[in-house]
């Protein structure tokens, strides 16, 4: 990939990586169904997955269909919020309280607790 990866492509790749962390991994058929793409595009996506995540393992199931698997720990760092993101959540909670939006502030506070868990 000489040109920089588009945000949409990066989002797709992350979504595919999440699918690959499922116990059964992910097959070309599932990629075609999920992303509404053709077989060749699904193949290219698995190549991109293997390039971005070298821990990806491809193996043929008993149904002779190839499945791609990725350990969840390979994806976890990408889903971990940054200190700046956590600080922004705190700011949002304070601003909502100041604006008198108590219910919304409580909801964002719950989100922050889930994110930190």
PDB file of N, CA and C in Angstrom:
ATOM      1  N   UNK A   1       0.827  -1.181   0.000  1.00  0.00           N
ATOM      2  CA  UNK A   1       0.000   0.000   0.000  1.00  0.00           C
ATOM      3  C   UNK A   1       0.872   1.245   0.000  1.00  0.00           C
ATOM      4  N   UNK A   2       1.177   1.761  -1.151  1.00  0.00           N
ATOM      5  CA  UNK A   2       2.001   2.956  -1.246  1.00  0.00           C
ATOM      6  C   UNK A   2       1.275   4.156  -0.674  1.00  0.00           C
ATOM      7  N   UNK A   3       0.025   4.352  -1.078  1.00  0.00           N
ATOM      8  CA  UNK A   3      -0.748   5.494  -0.575  1.00  0.00           C
ATOM      9  C   UNK A   3      -1.238   5.158   0.830  1.00  0.00           C
ATOM     10  N   UNK A   4      -1.545   6.192   1.591  1.00  0.00           N
ATOM     11  CA  UNK A   4      -1.996   5.940   2.954  1.00  0.00           C
ATOM     12  C   UNK A   4      -3.378   5.291   2.923  1.00  0.00           C
ATOM     13  N   UNK A   5      -3.604   4.410   3.880  1.00  0.00           N
ATOM     14  CA  UNK A   5      -4.870   3.705   3.946  1.00  0.00           C
ATOM     15  C   UNK A   5      -5.975   4.676   4.332  1.00  0.00           C
ATOM     16  N   UNK A   6      -7.099   4.629   3.638  1.00  0.00           N
ATOM     17  CA  UNK A   6      -8.204   5.514   3.969  1.00  0.00           C
ATOM     18  C   UNK A   6      -8.797   5.104   5.313  1.00  0.00           C
ATOM     19  N   UNK A   7      -9.460   6.078   5.942  1.00  0.00           N
ATOM     20  CA  UNK A   7     -10.087   5.817   7.238  1.00  0.00           C
ATOM     21  C   UNK A   7     -11.112   4.701   7.114  1.00  0.00           C
ATOM     22  N   UNK A   8     -11.894   4.721   6.037  1.00  0.00           N
ATOM     23  CA  UNK A   8     -12.918   3.694   5.837  1.00  0.00           C
ATOM     24  C   UNK A   8     -12.285   2.306   5.730  1.00  0.00           C
ATOM     25  N   UNK A   9     -11.173   2.221   4.995  1.00  0.00           N
ATOM     26  CA  UNK A   9     -10.485   0.932   4.848  1.00  0.00           C
ATOM     27  C   UNK A   9      -9.923   0.469   6.190  1.00  0.00           C
ATOM     28  N   UNK A  10      -9.396   1.416   6.966  1.00  0.00           N
ATOM     29  CA  UNK A  10      -8.863   1.078   8.287  1.00  0.00           C
ATOM     30  C   UNK A  10      -9.984   0.561   9.188  1.00  0.00           C
ATOM     31  N   UNK A  11     -11.152   1.207   9.109  1.00  0.00           N
ATOM     32  CA  UNK A  11     -12.305   0.756   9.893  1.00  0.00           C
ATOM     33  C   UNK A  11     -12.721  -0.649   9.481  1.00  0.00           C
ATOM     34  N   UNK A  12     -12.752  -0.898   8.168  1.00  0.00           N
ATOM     35  CA  UNK A  12     -13.101  -2.231   7.664  1.00  0.00           C
ATOM     36  C   UNK A  12     -12.110  -3.272   8.158  1.00  0.00           C
ATOM     37  N   UNK A  13     -10.819  -2.926   8.107  1.00  0.00           N
ATOM     38  CA  UNK A  13      -9.781  -3.859   8.536  1.00  0.00           C
ATOM     39  C   UNK A  13      -9.929  -4.178  10.019  1.00  0.00           C
ATOM     40  N   UNK A  14     -10.228  -3.160  10.834  1.00  0.00           N
ATOM     41  CA  UNK A  14     -10.416  -3.391  12.262  1.00  0.00           C
ATOM     42  C   UNK A  14     -11.645  -4.264  12.502  1.00  0.00           C
ATOM     43  N   UNK A  15     -12.715  -4.017  11.744  1.00  0.00           N
ATOM     44  CA  UNK A  15     -13.933  -4.825  11.870  1.00  0.00           C
ATOM     45  C   UNK A  15     -13.621  -6.280  11.496  1.00  0.00           C
ATOM     46  N   UNK A  16     -12.858  -6.469  10.423  1.00  0.00           N
ATOM     47  CA  UNK A  16     -12.468  -7.813   9.994  1.00  0.00           C
ATOM     48  C   UNK A  16     -11.615  -8.479  11.071  1.00  0.00           C
ATOM     49  N   UNK A  17     -10.684  -7.719  11.650  1.00  0.00           N
ATOM     50  CA  UNK A  17      -9.832  -8.266  12.714  1.00  0.00           C
ATOM     51  C   UNK A  17     -10.689  -8.723  13.893  1.00  0.00           C
ATOM     52  N   UNK A  18     -11.704  -7.931  14.242  1.00  0.00           N
ATOM     53  CA  UNK A  18     -12.607  -8.310  15.335  1.00  0.00           C
ATOM     54  C   UNK A  18     -13.350  -9.602  14.985  1.00  0.00           C
ATOM     55  N   UNK A  19     -13.785  -9.726  13.728  1.00  0.00           N
ATOM     56  CA  UNK A  19     -14.471 -10.953  13.287  1.00  0.00           C
ATOM     57  C   UNK A  19     -13.529 -12.151  13.400  1.00  0.00           C
ATOM     58  N   UNK A  20     -12.249 -11.936  13.093  1.00  0.00           N
ATOM     59  CA  UNK A  20     -11.267 -13.020  13.115  1.00  0.00           C
ATOM     60  C   UNK A  20     -10.938 -13.467  14.537  1.00  0.00           C
ATOM     61  N   UNK A  21     -11.260 -12.618  15.535  1.00  0.00           N
ATOM     62  CA  UNK A  21     -10.995 -13.012  16.916  1.00  0.00           C
ATOM     63  C   UNK A  21     -12.087 -13.938  17.460  1.00  0.00           C
ATOM     64  N   UNK A  22     -13.178 -14.104  16.726  1.00  0.00           N
ATOM     65  CA  UNK A  22     -14.231 -15.027  17.173  1.00  0.00           C
ATOM     66  C   UNK A  22     -13.657 -16.436  17.229  1.00  0.00           C
ATOM     67  N   UNK A  23     -14.243 -17.260  18.066  1.00  0.00           N
ATOM     68  CA  UNK A  23     -13.729 -18.617  18.290  1.00  0.00           C
ATOM     69  C   UNK A  23     -13.521 -19.384  16.991  1.00  0.00           C
ATOM     70  N   UNK A  24     -14.476 -19.257  16.079  1.00  0.00           N
ATOM     71  CA  UNK A  24     -14.370 -19.992  14.824  1.00  0.00           C
ATOM     72  C   UNK A  24     -13.601 -19.259  13.738  1.00  0.00           C
ATOM     73  N   UNK A  25     -13.104 -18.066  14.058  1.00  0.00           N
ATOM     74  CA  UNK A  25     -12.425 -17.273  13.041  1.00  0.00           C
ATOM     75  C   UNK A  25     -13.428 -16.740  12.035  1.00  0.00           C
ATOM     76  N   UNK A  26     -12.942 -16.431  10.827  1.00  0.00           N
ATOM     77  CA  UNK A  26     -13.810 -15.857   9.797  1.00  0.00           C
ATOM     78  C   UNK A  26     -13.476 -16.493   8.448  1.00  0.00           C
ATOM     79  N   UNK A  27     -14.487 -16.732   7.629  1.00  0.00           N
ATOM     80  CA  UNK A  27     -14.296 -17.340   6.302  1.00  0.00           C
ATOM     81  C   UNK A  27     -14.512 -16.288   5.210  1.00  0.00           C
ATOM     82  N   UNK A  28     -14.074 -16.607   3.999  1.00  0.00           N
ATOM     83  CA  UNK A  28     -14.296 -15.706   2.860  1.00  0.00           C
ATOM     84  C   UNK A  28     -15.789 -15.434   2.669  1.00  0.00           C
ATOM     85  N   UNK A  29     -16.596 -16.482   2.828  1.00  0.00           N
ATOM     86  CA  UNK A  29     -18.050 -16.330   2.653  1.00  0.00           C
ATOM     87  C   UNK A  29     -18.619 -15.324   3.649  1.00  0.00           C
ATOM     88  N   UNK A  30     -18.138 -15.394   4.885  1.00  0.00           N
ATOM     89  CA  UNK A  30     -18.624 -14.462   5.914  1.00  0.00           C
ATOM     90  C   UNK A  30     -18.173 -13.031   5.613  1.00  0.00           C
ATOM     91  N   UNK A  31     -16.968 -12.890   5.073  1.00  0.00           N
ATOM     92  CA  UNK A  31     -16.463 -11.557   4.699  1.00  0.00           C
ATOM     93  C   UNK A  31     -17.320 -10.981   3.575  1.00  0.00           C
ATOM     94  N   UNK A  32     -17.614 -11.801   2.568  1.00  0.00           N
ATOM     95  CA  UNK A  32     -18.450 -11.373   1.429  1.00  0.00           C
ATOM     96  C   UNK A  32     -19.820 -10.914   1.934  1.00  0.00           C
ATOM     97  N   UNK A  33     -20.383 -11.699   2.851  1.00  0.00           N
ATOM     98  CA  UNK A  33     -21.707 -11.386   3.398  1.00  0.00           C
ATOM     99  C   UNK A  33     -21.665 -10.114   4.248  1.00  0.00           C
ATOM    100  N   UNK A  34     -20.677 -10.001   5.124  1.00  0.00           N
ATOM    101  CA  UNK A  34     -20.587  -8.862   6.045  1.00  0.00           C
ATOM    102  C   UNK A  34     -20.306  -7.553   5.327  1.00  0.00           C
ATOM    103  N   UNK A  35     -19.393  -7.584   4.345  1.00  0.00           N
ATOM    104  CA  UNK A  35     -18.952  -6.347   3.704  1.00  0.00           C
ATOM    105  C   UNK A  35     -19.613  -6.106   2.345  1.00  0.00           C
ATOM    106  N   UNK A  36     -20.427  -7.063   1.896  1.00  0.00           N
ATOM    107  CA  UNK A  36     -21.123  -6.899   0.629  1.00  0.00           C
ATOM    108  C   UNK A  36     -20.157  -6.749  -0.538  1.00  0.00           C
ATOM    109  N   UNK A  37     -19.091  -7.543  -0.524  1.00  0.00           N
ATOM    110  CA  UNK A  37     -18.076  -7.435  -1.574  1.00  0.00           C
ATOM    111  C   UNK A  37     -18.008  -8.727  -2.386  1.00  0.00           C
ATOM    112  N   UNK A  38     -17.199  -8.724  -3.432  1.00  0.00           N
ATOM    113  CA  UNK A  38     -17.031  -9.912  -4.261  1.00  0.00           C
ATOM    114  C   UNK A  38     -15.901 -10.770  -3.695  1.00  0.00           C
ATOM    115  N   UNK A  39     -15.812 -12.011  -4.188  1.00  0.00           N
ATOM    116  CA  UNK A  39     -14.842 -12.985  -3.715  1.00  0.00           C
ATOM    117  C   UNK A  39     -13.413 -12.430  -3.745  1.00  0.00           C
ATOM    118  N   UNK A  40     -13.064 -11.793  -4.862  1.00  0.00           N
ATOM    119  CA  UNK A  40     -11.696 -11.279  -5.022  1.00  0.00           C
ATOM    120  C   UNK A  40     -11.372 -10.198  -3.976  1.00  0.00           C
ATOM    121  N   UNK A  41     -12.343  -9.339  -3.701  1.00  0.00           N
ATOM    122  CA  UNK A  41     -12.155  -8.307  -2.673  1.00  0.00           C
ATOM    123  C   UNK A  41     -11.985  -8.942  -1.297  1.00  0.00           C
ATOM    124  N   UNK A  42     -12.769  -9.981  -1.021  1.00  0.00           N
ATOM    125  CA  UNK A  42     -12.659 -10.688   0.258  1.00  0.00           C
ATOM    126  C   UNK A  42     -11.262 -11.297   0.396  1.00  0.00           C
ATOM    127  N   UNK A  43     -10.736 -11.852  -0.692  1.00  0.00           N
ATOM    128  CA  UNK A  43      -9.374 -12.402  -0.674  1.00  0.00           C
ATOM    129  C   UNK A  43      -8.356 -11.303  -0.371  1.00  0.00           C
ATOM    130  N   UNK A  44      -8.518 -10.154  -1.027  1.00  0.00           N
ATOM    131  CA  UNK A  44      -7.602  -9.027  -0.781  1.00  0.00           C
ATOM    132  C   UNK A  44      -7.669  -8.591   0.683  1.00  0.00           C
ATOM    133  N   UNK A  45      -8.869  -8.628   1.262  1.00  0.00           N
ATOM    134  CA  UNK A  45      -9.031  -8.232   2.660  1.00  0.00           C
ATOM    135  C   UNK A  45      -8.290  -9.187   3.593  1.00  0.00           C
ATOM    136  N   UNK A  46      -8.286 -10.487   3.269  1.00  0.00           N
ATOM    137  CA  UNK A  46      -7.563 -11.429   4.129  1.00  0.00           C
ATOM    138  C   UNK A  46      -6.057 -11.209   4.017  1.00  0.00           C
ATOM    139  N   UNK A  47      -5.596 -10.815   2.837  1.00  0.00           N
ATOM    140  CA  UNK A  47      -4.169 -10.492   2.660  1.00  0.00           C
ATOM    141  C   UNK A  47      -3.825  -9.258   3.502  1.00  0.00           C
ATOM    142  N   UNK A  48      -4.696  -8.245   3.472  1.00  0.00           N
ATOM    143  CA  UNK A  48      -4.491  -7.031   4.269  1.00  0.00           C
ATOM    144  C   UNK A  48      -4.488  -7.381   5.761  1.00  0.00           C
ATOM    145  N   UNK A  49      -5.372  -8.293   6.165  1.00  0.00           N
ATOM    146  CA  UNK A  49      -5.441  -8.726   7.566  1.00  0.00           C
ATOM    147  C   UNK A  49      -4.116  -9.374   7.977  1.00  0.00           C
ATOM    148  N   UNK A  50      -3.617 -10.276   7.130  1.00  0.00           N
ATOM    149  CA  UNK A  50      -2.358 -10.971   7.430  1.00  0.00           C
ATOM    150  C   UNK A  50      -1.177 -10.004   7.457  1.00  0.00           C
ATOM    151  N   UNK A  51      -1.235  -8.953   6.619  1.00  0.00           N
ATOM    152  CA  UNK A  51      -0.164  -7.954   6.584  1.00  0.00           C
ATOM    153  C   UNK A  51      -0.196  -7.093   7.845  1.00  0.00           C
ATOM    154  N   UNK A  52      -1.393  -6.649   8.223  1.00  0.00           N
ATOM    155  CA  UNK A  52      -1.539  -5.766   9.385  1.00  0.00           C
ATOM    156  C   UNK A  52      -1.358  -6.523  10.702  1.00  0.00           C
ATOM    157  N   UNK A  53      -1.771  -7.784  10.710  1.00  0.00           N
ATOM    158  CA  UNK A  53      -1.700  -8.601  11.920  1.00  0.00           C
ATOM    159  C   UNK A  53      -0.968  -9.905  11.612  1.00  0.00           C
ATOM    160  N   UNK A  54       0.368  -9.914  11.755  1.00  0.00           N
ATOM    161  CA  UNK A  54       1.152 -11.113  11.419  1.00  0.00           C
ATOM    162  C   UNK A  54       0.764 -12.341  12.256  1.00  0.00           C
ATOM    163  N   UNK A  55       0.065 -12.117  13.374  1.00  0.00           N
ATOM    164  CA  UNK A  55      -0.351 -13.249  14.220  1.00  0.00           C
ATOM    165  C   UNK A  55      -1.539 -14.013  13.620  1.00  0.00           C
ATOM    166  N   UNK A  56      -2.088 -13.506  12.529  1.00  0.00           N
ATOM    167  CA  UNK A  56      -3.235 -14.160  11.887  1.00  0.00           C
ATOM    168  C   UNK A  56      -2.849 -15.570  11.451  1.00  0.00           C
ATOM    169  N   UNK A  57      -3.733 -16.524  11.735  1.00  0.00           N
ATOM    170  CA  UNK A  57      -3.508 -17.896  11.299  1.00  0.00           C
ATOM    171  C   UNK A  57      -4.633 -18.308  10.367  1.00  0.00           C
ATOM    172  N   UNK A  58      -4.257 -18.833   9.198  1.00  0.00           N
ATOM    173  CA  UNK A  58      -5.252 -19.328   8.248  1.00  0.00           C
ATOM    174  C   UNK A  58      -5.188 -20.843   8.277  1.00  0.00           C
ATOM    175  N   UNK A  59      -6.332 -21.473   8.427  1.00  0.00           N
ATOM    176  CA  UNK A  59      -6.362 -22.935   8.399  1.00  0.00           C
ATOM    177  C   UNK A  59      -7.643 -23.417   7.751  1.00  0.00           C
ATOM    178  N   UNK A  60      -7.564 -24.585   7.128  1.00  0.00           N
ATOM    179  CA  UNK A  60      -8.725 -25.157   6.461  1.00  0.00           C
ATOM    180  C   UNK A  60      -9.510 -25.999   7.460  1.00  0.00           C
ATOM    181  N   UNK A  61     -10.800 -25.713   7.553  1.00  0.00           N
ATOM    182  CA  UNK A  61     -11.667 -26.464   8.460  1.00  0.00           C
ATOM    183  C   UNK A  61     -12.022 -27.811   7.872  1.00  0.00           C
ATOM    184  N   UNK A  62     -12.775 -28.602   8.640  1.00  0.00           N
ATOM    185  CA  UNK A  62     -13.183 -29.922   8.155  1.00  0.00           C
ATOM    186  C   UNK A  62     -14.121 -29.799   6.963  1.00  0.00           C
ATOM    187  N   UNK A  63     -14.763 -28.612   6.813  1.00  0.00           N
ATOM    188  CA  UNK A  63     -15.639 -28.389   5.663  1.00  0.00           C
ATOM    189  C   UNK A  63     -14.838 -27.929   4.438  1.00  0.00           C
ATOM    190  N   UNK A  64     -13.499 -27.983   4.545  1.00  0.00           N
ATOM    191  CA  UNK A  64     -12.575 -27.581   3.489  1.00  0.00           C
ATOM    192  C   UNK A  64     -12.592 -26.079   3.208  1.00  0.00           C
ATOM    193  N   UNK A  65     -13.252 -25.327   4.091  1.00  0.00           N
ATOM    194  CA  UNK A  65     -13.269 -23.875   3.925  1.00  0.00           C
ATOM    195  C   UNK A  65     -12.153 -23.294   4.773  1.00  0.00           C
ATOM    196  N   UNK A  66     -11.408 -22.377   4.194  1.00  0.00           N
ATOM    197  CA  UNK A  66     -10.325 -21.720   4.926  1.00  0.00           C
ATOM    198  C   UNK A  66     -10.930 -20.685   5.876  1.00  0.00           C
ATOM    199  N   UNK A  67     -10.384 -20.660   7.096  1.00  0.00           N
ATOM    200  CA  UNK A  67     -10.831 -19.696   8.099  1.00  0.00           C
ATOM    201  C   UNK A  67      -9.608 -18.975   8.653  1.00  0.00           C
ATOM    202  N   UNK A  68      -9.778 -17.676   8.885  1.00  0.00           N
ATOM    203  CA  UNK A  68      -8.695 -16.851   9.429  1.00  0.00           C
ATOM    204  C   UNK A  68      -8.999 -16.564  10.884  1.00  0.00           C
ATOM    205  N   UNK A  69      -8.007 -16.815  11.728  1.00  0.00           N
ATOM    206  CA  UNK A  69      -8.161 -16.574  13.169  1.00  0.00           C
ATOM    207  C   UNK A  69      -7.083 -15.617  13.647  1.00  0.00           C
ATOM    208  N   UNK A  70      -7.465 -14.820  14.638  1.00  0.00           N
ATOM    209  CA  UNK A  70      -6.545 -13.834  15.203  1.00  0.00           C
ATOM    210  C   UNK A  70      -6.730 -13.842  16.712  1.00  0.00           C
ATOM    211  N   UNK A  71      -5.630 -13.951  17.487  1.00  0.00           N
ATOM    212  CA  UNK A  71      -5.784 -13.883  18.943  1.00  0.00           C
ATOM    213  C   UNK A  71      -6.294 -12.495  19.356  1.00  0.00           C
ATOM    214  N   UNK A  72      -7.234 -12.460  20.277  1.00  0.00           N
ATOM    215  CA  UNK A  72      -7.830 -11.181  20.705  1.00  0.00           C
ATOM    216  C   UNK A  72      -6.763 -10.210  21.206  1.00  0.00           C
ATOM    217  N   UNK A  73      -5.696 -10.734  21.802  1.00  0.00           N
ATOM    218  CA  UNK A  73      -4.660  -9.848  22.346  1.00  0.00           C
ATOM    219  C   UNK A  73      -3.957  -9.045  21.248  1.00  0.00           C
ATOM    220  N   UNK A  74      -4.048  -9.508  19.996  1.00  0.00           N
ATOM    221  CA  UNK A  74      -3.434  -8.776  18.879  1.00  0.00           C
ATOM    222  C   UNK A  74      -4.215  -7.506  18.559  1.00  0.00           C
ATOM    223  N   UNK A  75      -5.514  -7.515  18.867  1.00  0.00           N
ATOM    224  CA  UNK A  75      -6.390  -6.390  18.539  1.00  0.00           C
ATOM    225  C   UNK A  75      -6.589  -5.463  19.740  1.00  0.00           C
ATOM    226  N   UNK A  76      -6.452  -6.010  20.939  1.00  0.00           N
ATOM    227  CA  UNK A  76      -6.754  -5.271  22.176  1.00  0.00           C
ATOM    228  C   UNK A  76      -6.117  -3.879  22.252  1.00  0.00           C
ATOM    229  N   UNK A  77      -4.815  -3.727  21.909  1.00  0.00           N
ATOM    230  CA  UNK A  77      -4.210  -2.384  22.039  1.00  0.00           C
ATOM    231  C   UNK A  77      -4.907  -1.323  21.185  1.00  0.00           C
ATOM    232  N   UNK A  78      -5.497  -1.741  20.053  1.00  0.00           N
ATOM    233  CA  UNK A  78      -6.181  -0.792  19.170  1.00  0.00           C
ATOM    234  C   UNK A  78      -7.492  -0.311  19.770  1.00  0.00           C
ATOM    235  N   UNK A  79      -8.028  -1.087  20.712  1.00  0.00           N
ATOM    236  CA  UNK A  79      -9.322  -0.750  21.294  1.00  0.00           C
ATOM    237  C   UNK A  79      -9.180  -0.061  22.642  1.00  0.00           C
ATOM    238  N   UNK A  80      -7.959   0.069  23.122  1.00  0.00           N
ATOM    239  CA  UNK A  80      -7.717   0.683  24.421  1.00  0.00           C
ATOM    240  C   UNK A  80      -7.746   2.199  24.275  1.00  0.00           C
ATOM    241  N   UNK A  81      -8.576   2.873  25.065  1.00  0.00           N
ATOM    242  CA  UNK A  81      -8.655   4.332  24.937  1.00  0.00           C
ATOM    243  C   UNK A  81      -7.370   5.003  25.412  1.00  0.00           C
ATOM    244  N   UNK A  82      -7.049   6.122  24.792  1.00  0.00           N
ATOM    245  CA  UNK A  82      -5.865   6.890  25.174  1.00  0.00           C
ATOM    246  C   UNK A  82      -6.199   7.741  26.398  1.00  0.00           C
ATOM    247  N   UNK A  83      -5.169   8.216  27.116  1.00  0.00           N
ATOM    248  CA  UNK A  83      -5.421   9.136  28.245  1.00  0.00           C
ATOM    249  C   UNK A  83      -6.200  10.377  27.794  1.00  0.00           C
ATOM    250  N   UNK A  84      -5.921  10.862  26.564  1.00  0.00           N
ATOM    251  CA  UNK A  84      -6.621  12.036  26.040  1.00  0.00           C
ATOM    252  C   UNK A  84      -8.115  11.745  25.852  1.00  0.00           C
ATOM    253  N   UNK A  85      -8.437  10.530  25.371  1.00  0.00           N
ATOM    254  CA  UNK A  85      -9.839  10.157  25.183  1.00  0.00           C
ATOM    255  C   UNK A  85     -10.566  10.063  26.526  1.00  0.00           C
ATOM    256  N   UNK A  86      -9.894   9.490  27.529  1.00  0.00           N
ATOM    257  CA  UNK A  86     -10.504   9.398  28.862  1.00  0.00           C
ATOM    258  C   UNK A  86     -10.704  10.792  29.458  1.00  0.00           C
ATOM    259  N   UNK A  87      -9.724  11.676  29.259  1.00  0.00           N
ATOM    260  CA  UNK A  87      -9.844  13.045  29.760  1.00  0.00           C
ATOM    261  C   UNK A  87     -11.013  13.764  29.083  1.00  0.00           C
ATOM    262  N   UNK A  88     -11.181  13.528  27.781  1.00  0.00           N
ATOM    263  CA  UNK A  88     -12.287  14.150  27.045  1.00  0.00           C
ATOM    264  C   UNK A  88     -13.630  13.671  27.588  1.00  0.00           C
ATOM    265  N   UNK A  89     -13.712  12.405  27.994  1.00  0.00           N
ATOM    266  CA  UNK A  89     -14.951  11.897  28.594  1.00  0.00           C
ATOM    267  C   UNK A  89     -15.242  12.632  29.900  1.00  0.00           C
ATOM    268  N   UNK A  90     -14.210  12.833  30.721  1.00  0.00           N
ATOM    269  CA  UNK A  90     -14.391  13.574  31.983  1.00  0.00           C
ATOM    270  C   UNK A  90     -14.875  14.987  31.714  1.00  0.00           C
ATOM    271  N   UNK A  91     -14.275  15.652  30.726  1.00  0.00           N
ATOM    272  CA  UNK A  91     -14.682  17.006  30.352  1.00  0.00           C
ATOM    273  C   UNK A  91     -16.145  17.016  29.918  1.00  0.00           C
ATOM    274  N   UNK A  92     -16.528  16.024  29.117  1.00  0.00           N
ATOM    275  CA  UNK A  92     -17.910  15.934  28.633  1.00  0.00           C
ATOM    276  C   UNK A  92     -18.886  15.777  29.799  1.00  0.00           C
ATOM    277  N   UNK A  93     -18.525  14.948  30.774  1.00  0.00           N
ATOM    278  CA  UNK A  93     -19.387  14.741  31.949  1.00  0.00           C
ATOM    279  C   UNK A  93     -19.585  16.066  32.684  1.00  0.00           C
ATOM    280  N   UNK A  94     -18.479  16.789  32.915  1.00  0.00           N
ATOM    281  CA  UNK A  94     -18.547  18.085  33.614  1.00  0.00           C
ATOM    282  C   UNK A  94     -19.410  19.078  32.850  1.00  0.00           C
ATOM    283  N   UNK A  95     -19.199  19.169  31.535  1.00  0.00           N
ATOM    284  CA  UNK A  95     -19.958  20.120  30.700  1.00  0.00           C
ATOM    285  C   UNK A  95     -21.456  19.786  30.723  1.00  0.00           C
ATOM    286  N   UNK A  96     -21.793  18.491  30.674  1.00  0.00           N
ATOM    287  CA  UNK A  96     -23.204  18.091  30.720  1.00  0.00           C
ATOM    288  C   UNK A  96     -23.829  18.478  32.052  1.00  0.00           C
ATOM    289  N   UNK A  97     -23.085  18.289  33.147  1.00  0.00           N
ATOM    290  CA  UNK A  97     -23.599  18.657  34.470  1.00  0.00           C
ATOM    291  C   UNK A  97     -23.821  20.170  34.560  1.00  0.00           C
ATOM    292  N   UNK A  98     -22.851  20.938  34.079  1.00  0.00           N
ATOM    293  CA  UNK A  98     -22.957  22.401  34.094  1.00  0.00           C
ATOM    294  C   UNK A  98     -24.180  22.854  33.292  1.00  0.00           C
ATOM    295  N   UNK A  99     -24.441  22.150  32.178  1.00  0.00           N
ATOM    296  CA  UNK A  99     -25.574  22.498  31.317  1.00  0.00           C
ATOM    297  C   UNK A  99     -26.901  21.990  31.882  1.00  0.00           C
ATOM    298  N   UNK A 100     -26.837  21.305  33.022  1.00  0.00           N
ATOM    299  CA  UNK A 100     -28.062  20.812  33.648  1.00  0.00           C
ATOM    300  C   UNK A 100     -28.586  19.519  33.047  1.00  0.00           C
ATOM    301  N   UNK A 101     -27.748  18.873  32.230  1.00  0.00           N
ATOM    302  CA  UNK A 101     -28.169  17.611  31.597  1.00  0.00           C
ATOM    303  C   UNK A 101     -27.683  16.450  32.471  1.00  0.00           C
ATOM    304  N   UNK A 102     -28.350  16.279  33.603  1.00  0.00           N
ATOM    305  CA  UNK A 102     -27.913  15.339  34.633  1.00  0.00           C
ATOM    306  C   UNK A 102     -28.023  13.881  34.151  1.00  0.00           C
ATOM    307  N   UNK A 103     -29.123  13.553  33.483  1.00  0.00           N
ATOM    308  CA  UNK A 103     -29.312  12.184  32.982  1.00  0.00           C
ATOM    309  C   UNK A 103     -28.223  11.821  31.982  1.00  0.00           C
ATOM    310  N   UNK A 104     -27.945  12.745  31.065  1.00  0.00           N
ATOM    311  CA  UNK A 104     -26.914  12.511  30.048  1.00  0.00           C
ATOM    312  C   UNK A 104     -25.538  12.384  30.692  1.00  0.00           C
ATOM    313  N   UNK A 105     -25.270  13.227  31.709  1.00  0.00           N
ATOM    314  CA  UNK A 105     -23.995  13.158  32.423  1.00  0.00           C
ATOM    315  C   UNK A 105     -23.835  11.782  33.072  1.00  0.00           C
ATOM    316  N   UNK A 106     -24.911  11.278  33.663  1.00  0.00           N
ATOM    317  CA  UNK A 106     -24.876   9.961  34.309  1.00  0.00           C
ATOM    318  C   UNK A 106     -24.600   8.859  33.280  1.00  0.00           C
ATOM    319  N   UNK A 107     -25.212   8.998  32.104  1.00  0.00           N
ATOM    320  CA  UNK A 107     -25.012   8.012  31.039  1.00  0.00           C
ATOM    321  C   UNK A 107     -23.555   7.990  30.580  1.00  0.00           C
ATOM    322  N   UNK A 108     -22.978   9.176  30.380  1.00  0.00           N
ATOM    323  CA  UNK A 108     -21.572   9.261  29.947  1.00  0.00           C
ATOM    324  C   UNK A 108     -20.652   8.743  31.058  1.00  0.00           C
ATOM    325  N   UNK A 109     -21.006   8.996  32.320  1.00  0.00           N
ATOM    326  CA  UNK A 109     -20.222   8.482  33.450  1.00  0.00           C
ATOM    327  C   UNK A 109     -20.224   6.950  33.436  1.00  0.00           C
ATOM    328  N   UNK A 110     -21.391   6.352  33.151  1.00  0.00           N
ATOM    329  CA  UNK A 110     -21.480   4.879  33.042  1.00  0.00           C
ATOM    330  C   UNK A 110     -20.576   4.374  31.918  1.00  0.00           C
ATOM    331  N   UNK A 111     -20.610   5.084  30.800  1.00  0.00           N
ATOM    332  CA  UNK A 111     -19.764   4.717  29.642  1.00  0.00           C
ATOM    333  C   UNK A 111     -18.293   4.754  30.062  1.00  0.00           C
ATOM    334  N   UNK A 112     -17.907   5.821  30.762  1.00  0.00           N
ATOM    335  CA  UNK A 112     -16.506   5.960  31.185  1.00  0.00           C
ATOM    336  C   UNK A 112     -16.103   4.790  32.099  1.00  0.00           C
ATOM    337  N   UNK A 113     -17.004   4.381  33.000  1.00  0.00           N
ATOM    338  CA  UNK A 113     -16.696   3.256  33.885  1.00  0.00           C
ATOM    339  C   UNK A 113     -16.529   1.962  33.085  1.00  0.00           C
ATOM    340  N   UNK A 114     -17.377   1.767  32.078  1.00  0.00           N
ATOM    341  CA  UNK A 114     -17.261   0.570  31.225  1.00  0.00           C
ATOM    342  C   UNK A 114     -15.949   0.568  30.460  1.00  0.00           C
ATOM    343  N   UNK A 115     -15.590   1.744  29.932  1.00  0.00           N
ATOM    344  CA  UNK A 115     -14.375   1.879  29.143  1.00  0.00           C
ATOM    345  C   UNK A 115     -13.148   1.583  30.003  1.00  0.00           C
ATOM    346  N   UNK A 116     -13.157   2.032  31.240  1.00  0.00           N
ATOM    347  CA  UNK A 116     -12.015   1.842  32.127  1.00  0.00           C
ATOM    348  C   UNK A 116     -11.931   0.424  32.670  1.00  0.00           C
ATOM    349  N   UNK A 117     -13.033  -0.311  32.639  1.00  0.00           N
ATOM    350  CA  UNK A 117     -13.082  -1.661  33.217  1.00  0.00           C
ATOM    351  C   UNK A 117     -12.170  -2.637  32.500  1.00  0.00           C
TER     352      UNK A 117
END
